Amino acid sequence: MKGPPISKLDYAGLGQRVVALSIDVIVIVIFNFFSNKFPYPPLMTTGVSDFNATVLFALVYFFLFSLTGARATPGKKMAGIFIAAESGQNVSPISLLLRVSLQFAVFLIYMLLIRFIAHYYFNFWNSNHPMIVIMNWVVPVALYVLSIVTTHHKQALHDIGAKTVVLKKRNMHWLLYIFPIILVIPYILIFSVKTPLPPTSQTMFPQSSHRH
């Protein structure tokens, strides 16, 4: 079935997409919490080995819900948006799989890049340090927001790569903006607690003592 002309497609705005993503992430956080696997609060660790189960769950979660007739995760359904091909037609399962894969590839690449910078330029490798935790989220989210607000069809990087768009089905109730706030609160709290500074190069590579 042919979709509407591209010029007449009603693309989902940044607000609706952020709300939808926040709701979906909260669902993943709940899974993470009840898995009883992590020593830190949900999604607060950044070591790849620490959240393999969460990544796997999130991949399956986003892919399977996107395959449903609504072409939307629970977050997208609540926000009144859905995934479609760039033409406005129904998106294929292959495109959905590519979209989800690209979505997580961007996050993982930046996570590893930030840890590399922290280790080789600041001489510490503490994946649970709040600054590393925050940066692991700030960079991908900033890139996500920048891509949506600067592209003509309001596409994130994974949308561009998979040739998909997110369309508006209905207007969203303003009360749903509470979900991004709920998601941000743990990060505000973790920075409100005084955290030890990361070890310096002197502590990591102590100089040998010499006898005089």
Protein backbone atom coordinates (compact mmCIF):
# COMPACT_ATOMS: atom_id res chain seq x y z
CA MET A 1 0.00 0.00 0.00
CA LYS A 2 1.38 3.37 -1.06
CA GLY A 3 1.83 5.93 1.70
CA PRO A 4 1.08 9.65 1.59
CA PRO A 5 3.44 12.04 -0.21
CA ILE A 6 6.63 12.69 1.76
CA SER A 7 5.87 16.42 1.91
CA LYS A 8 2.60 15.70 3.74
CA LEU A 9 4.00 13.34 6.36
CA ASP A 10 3.55 14.55 9.94
CA TYR A 11 6.93 13.93 11.52
CA ALA A 12 7.17 13.42 15.28
CA GLY A 13 8.82 16.29 17.11
CA LEU A 14 11.69 16.19 19.55
CA GLY A 15 9.41 16.40 22.61
CA GLN A 16 7.37 13.34 21.67
CA ARG A 17 10.46 11.33 20.80
CA VAL A 18 12.26 12.19 24.04
CA VAL A 19 9.17 11.24 26.06
CA ALA A 20 8.81 7.95 24.16
CA LEU A 21 12.48 7.08 24.65
CA SER A 22 12.29 7.99 28.33
CA ILE A 23 9.35 5.64 28.90
CA ASP A 24 11.12 2.81 27.10
CA VAL A 25 14.34 3.36 29.04
CA ILE A 26 12.38 3.32 32.31
CA VAL A 27 10.99 -0.10 31.33
CA ILE A 28 14.55 -1.30 30.69
CA VAL A 29 15.67 0.18 34.02
CA ILE A 30 12.95 -1.80 35.79
CA PHE A 31 14.18 -4.97 34.09
CA ASN A 32 17.71 -4.09 35.10
CA PHE A 33 16.67 -3.52 38.71
CA PHE A 34 14.80 -6.80 39.05
CA SER A 35 17.55 -8.77 37.35
CA ASN A 36 19.53 -8.16 40.59
CA LYS A 37 22.73 -8.29 38.59
CA PHE A 38 24.40 -4.93 39.12
CA PRO A 39 26.19 -3.46 42.16
CA TYR A 40 25.16 0.11 41.22
CA PRO A 41 21.73 1.63 40.60
CA PRO A 42 20.02 0.62 37.34
CA LEU A 43 21.90 1.66 34.19
CA MET A 44 24.57 3.38 36.29
CA THR A 45 27.39 1.04 35.25
CA THR A 46 29.21 1.32 31.97
CA GLY A 47 31.44 -1.73 31.68
CA VAL A 48 30.38 -3.82 28.69
CA SER A 49 30.46 -7.03 30.76
CA ASP A 50 28.24 -5.38 33.38
CA PHE A 51 25.22 -4.88 31.20
CA ASN A 52 25.22 -7.59 28.56
CA ALA A 53 21.84 -8.83 29.81
CA THR A 54 20.37 -5.34 29.71
CA VAL A 55 21.65 -4.68 26.19
CA LEU A 56 20.22 -7.98 24.98
CA PHE A 57 16.87 -7.27 26.63
CA ALA A 58 16.78 -3.76 25.14
CA LEU A 59 17.59 -5.02 21.64
CA VAL A 60 14.81 -7.61 21.80
CA TYR A 61 12.44 -5.09 23.41
CA PHE A 62 12.86 -2.40 20.74
CA PHE A 63 12.86 -4.85 17.84
CA LEU A 64 9.87 -6.99 18.80
CA PHE A 65 7.62 -4.10 19.78
CA SER A 66 8.54 -2.29 16.57
CA LEU A 67 7.41 -5.38 14.64
CA THR A 68 3.88 -5.17 16.02
CA GLY A 69 1.05 -3.75 13.93
CA ALA A 70 1.38 -0.44 15.73
CA ARG A 71 5.06 -0.22 14.69
CA ALA A 72 5.74 1.31 18.08
CA THR A 73 7.25 0.47 21.44
CA PRO A 74 5.11 1.12 24.55
CA GLY A 75 6.84 4.50 24.89
CA LYS A 76 6.02 5.46 21.31
CA LYS A 77 2.41 4.31 21.69
CA MET A 78 1.95 6.45 24.80
CA ALA A 79 3.53 9.43 23.01
CA GLY A 80 1.33 8.92 19.95
CA ILE A 81 4.09 8.20 17.42
CA PHE A 82 5.18 5.25 15.26
CA ILE A 83 7.97 4.12 12.91
CA ALA A 84 7.54 4.17 9.13
CA ALA A 85 9.65 4.00 6.01
CA GLU A 86 10.85 7.32 4.57
CA SER A 87 8.08 7.06 1.98
CA GLY A 88 5.43 6.81 4.69
CA GLN A 89 4.76 3.13 3.98
CA ASN A 90 5.04 0.31 6.48
CA VAL A 91 8.64 -0.34 7.42
CA SER A 92 10.11 -3.78 6.68
CA PRO A 93 11.46 -6.09 9.43
CA ILE A 94 14.95 -5.82 7.92
CA SER A 95 14.86 -2.02 8.20
CA LEU A 96 13.62 -2.29 11.79
CA LEU A 97 16.44 -4.68 12.69
CA LEU A 98 18.97 -2.35 11.06
CA ARG A 99 17.46 0.63 12.89
CA VAL A 100 17.73 -1.02 16.31
CA SER A 101 21.25 -2.28 15.59
CA LEU A 102 22.43 1.20 14.56
CA GLN A 103 20.74 2.73 17.60
CA PHE A 104 22.78 0.60 19.98
CA ALA A 105 25.95 0.68 17.88
CA VAL A 106 26.11 4.47 18.25
CA PHE A 107 25.69 4.20 22.01
CA LEU A 108 28.29 1.46 22.44
CA ILE A 109 30.85 3.18 20.20
CA TYR A 110 30.64 6.39 22.20
CA MET A 111 30.72 4.50 25.48
CA LEU A 112 33.97 2.79 24.50
CA LEU A 113 35.40 6.01 23.07
CA ILE A 114 34.77 7.89 26.31
CA ARG A 115 36.38 5.13 28.37
CA PHE A 116 39.38 5.20 26.04
CA ILE A 117 39.75 8.97 26.50
CA ALA A 118 39.37 8.65 30.27
CA HIS A 119 42.09 6.02 30.46
CA TYR A 120 44.69 7.39 28.08
CA TYR A 121 44.25 11.11 28.63
CA PHE A 122 43.17 11.32 32.27
CA ASN A 123 44.95 8.18 33.51
CA PHE A 124 42.02 6.49 35.16
CA TRP A 125 39.74 3.64 34.23
CA ASN A 126 36.86 3.67 36.66
CA SER A 127 33.74 2.84 34.68
CA ASN A 128 31.54 3.54 37.71
CA HIS A 129 32.86 7.05 38.27
CA PRO A 130 29.90 9.49 37.95
CA MET A 131 31.65 11.62 35.34
CA ILE A 132 32.14 8.61 33.07
CA VAL A 133 28.57 7.47 33.68
CA ILE A 134 27.16 10.89 32.80
CA MET A 135 29.34 11.33 29.73
CA ASN A 136 28.28 7.91 28.45
CA TRP A 137 24.74 9.29 28.26
CA VAL A 138 25.33 12.97 27.53
CA VAL A 139 27.22 12.41 24.26
CA PRO A 140 24.76 9.95 22.62
CA VAL A 141 21.72 11.94 23.82
CA ALA A 142 23.22 15.21 22.58
CA LEU A 143 23.92 13.59 19.21
CA TYR A 144 20.37 12.20 19.14
CA VAL A 145 18.82 15.61 19.86
CA LEU A 146 21.11 17.46 17.43
CA SER A 147 20.29 15.04 14.62
CA ILE A 148 16.53 15.34 15.13
CA VAL A 149 16.45 19.14 15.31
CA THR A 150 18.77 19.69 12.34
CA THR A 151 17.49 17.16 9.79
CA HIS A 152 14.62 18.00 7.47
CA HIS A 153 12.61 14.89 8.35
CA LYS A 154 13.53 14.98 12.06
CA GLN A 155 15.56 11.78 11.81
CA ALA A 156 18.06 10.48 14.33
CA LEU A 157 21.26 8.89 13.01
CA HIS A 158 19.81 5.38 13.19
CA ASP A 159 16.75 6.58 11.21
CA ILE A 160 18.99 8.00 8.49
CA GLY A 161 21.01 4.77 8.29
CA ALA A 162 17.91 2.55 8.18
CA LYS A 163 15.93 4.98 5.95
CA THR A 164 13.10 5.24 8.47
CA VAL A 165 11.15 8.13 9.98
CA VAL A 166 9.03 8.55 13.10
CA LEU A 167 5.57 9.92 12.40
CA LYS A 168 2.97 11.53 14.61
CA LYS A 169 -0.31 9.63 15.02
CA ARG A 170 -1.89 11.99 17.54
CA ASN A 171 -0.99 14.82 19.87
CA MET A 172 0.63 13.92 23.19
CA HIS A 173 -0.70 14.95 26.59
CA TRP A 174 1.65 17.41 28.29
CA LEU A 175 1.66 15.39 31.52
CA LEU A 176 3.81 12.76 29.82
CA TYR A 177 6.77 15.13 30.05
CA ILE A 178 7.10 13.88 33.64
CA PHE A 179 8.86 10.73 32.34
CA PRO A 180 12.08 12.43 31.17
CA ILE A 181 12.20 14.20 34.54
CA ILE A 182 11.86 10.86 36.36
CA LEU A 183 14.69 9.46 34.27
CA VAL A 184 17.04 12.37 35.01
CA ILE A 185 16.51 12.41 38.79
CA PRO A 186 18.96 9.52 39.57
CA TYR A 187 21.74 11.35 37.74
CA ILE A 188 21.06 14.52 39.71
CA LEU A 189 21.18 12.53 42.93
CA ILE A 190 24.40 10.74 42.06
CA PHE A 191 26.13 14.08 41.51
CA SER A 192 24.69 15.55 44.70
CA VAL A 193 26.85 13.07 46.66
CA LYS A 194 30.49 14.03 47.03
CA THR A 195 32.52 11.68 44.87
CA PRO A 196 36.26 11.07 45.25
CA LEU A 197 38.37 12.47 42.45
CA PRO A 198 39.71 9.93 39.96
CA PRO A 199 43.23 8.72 40.65
CA THR A 200 45.99 10.75 39.07
CA SER A 201 48.84 9.43 37.05
CA GLN A 202 51.01 9.54 40.15
CA THR A 203 48.70 7.24 42.07
CA MET A 204 48.31 4.86 39.17
CA PHE A 205 51.98 4.84 38.26
CA PRO A 206 53.88 5.46 41.51
CA GLN A 207 57.49 6.43 41.21
CA SER A 208 59.97 4.01 42.65
CA SER A 209 61.73 5.16 45.77
CA HIS A 210 65.51 5.65 45.74
CA ARG A 211 67.88 5.25 48.63
CA HIS A 212 70.36 8.04 49.25
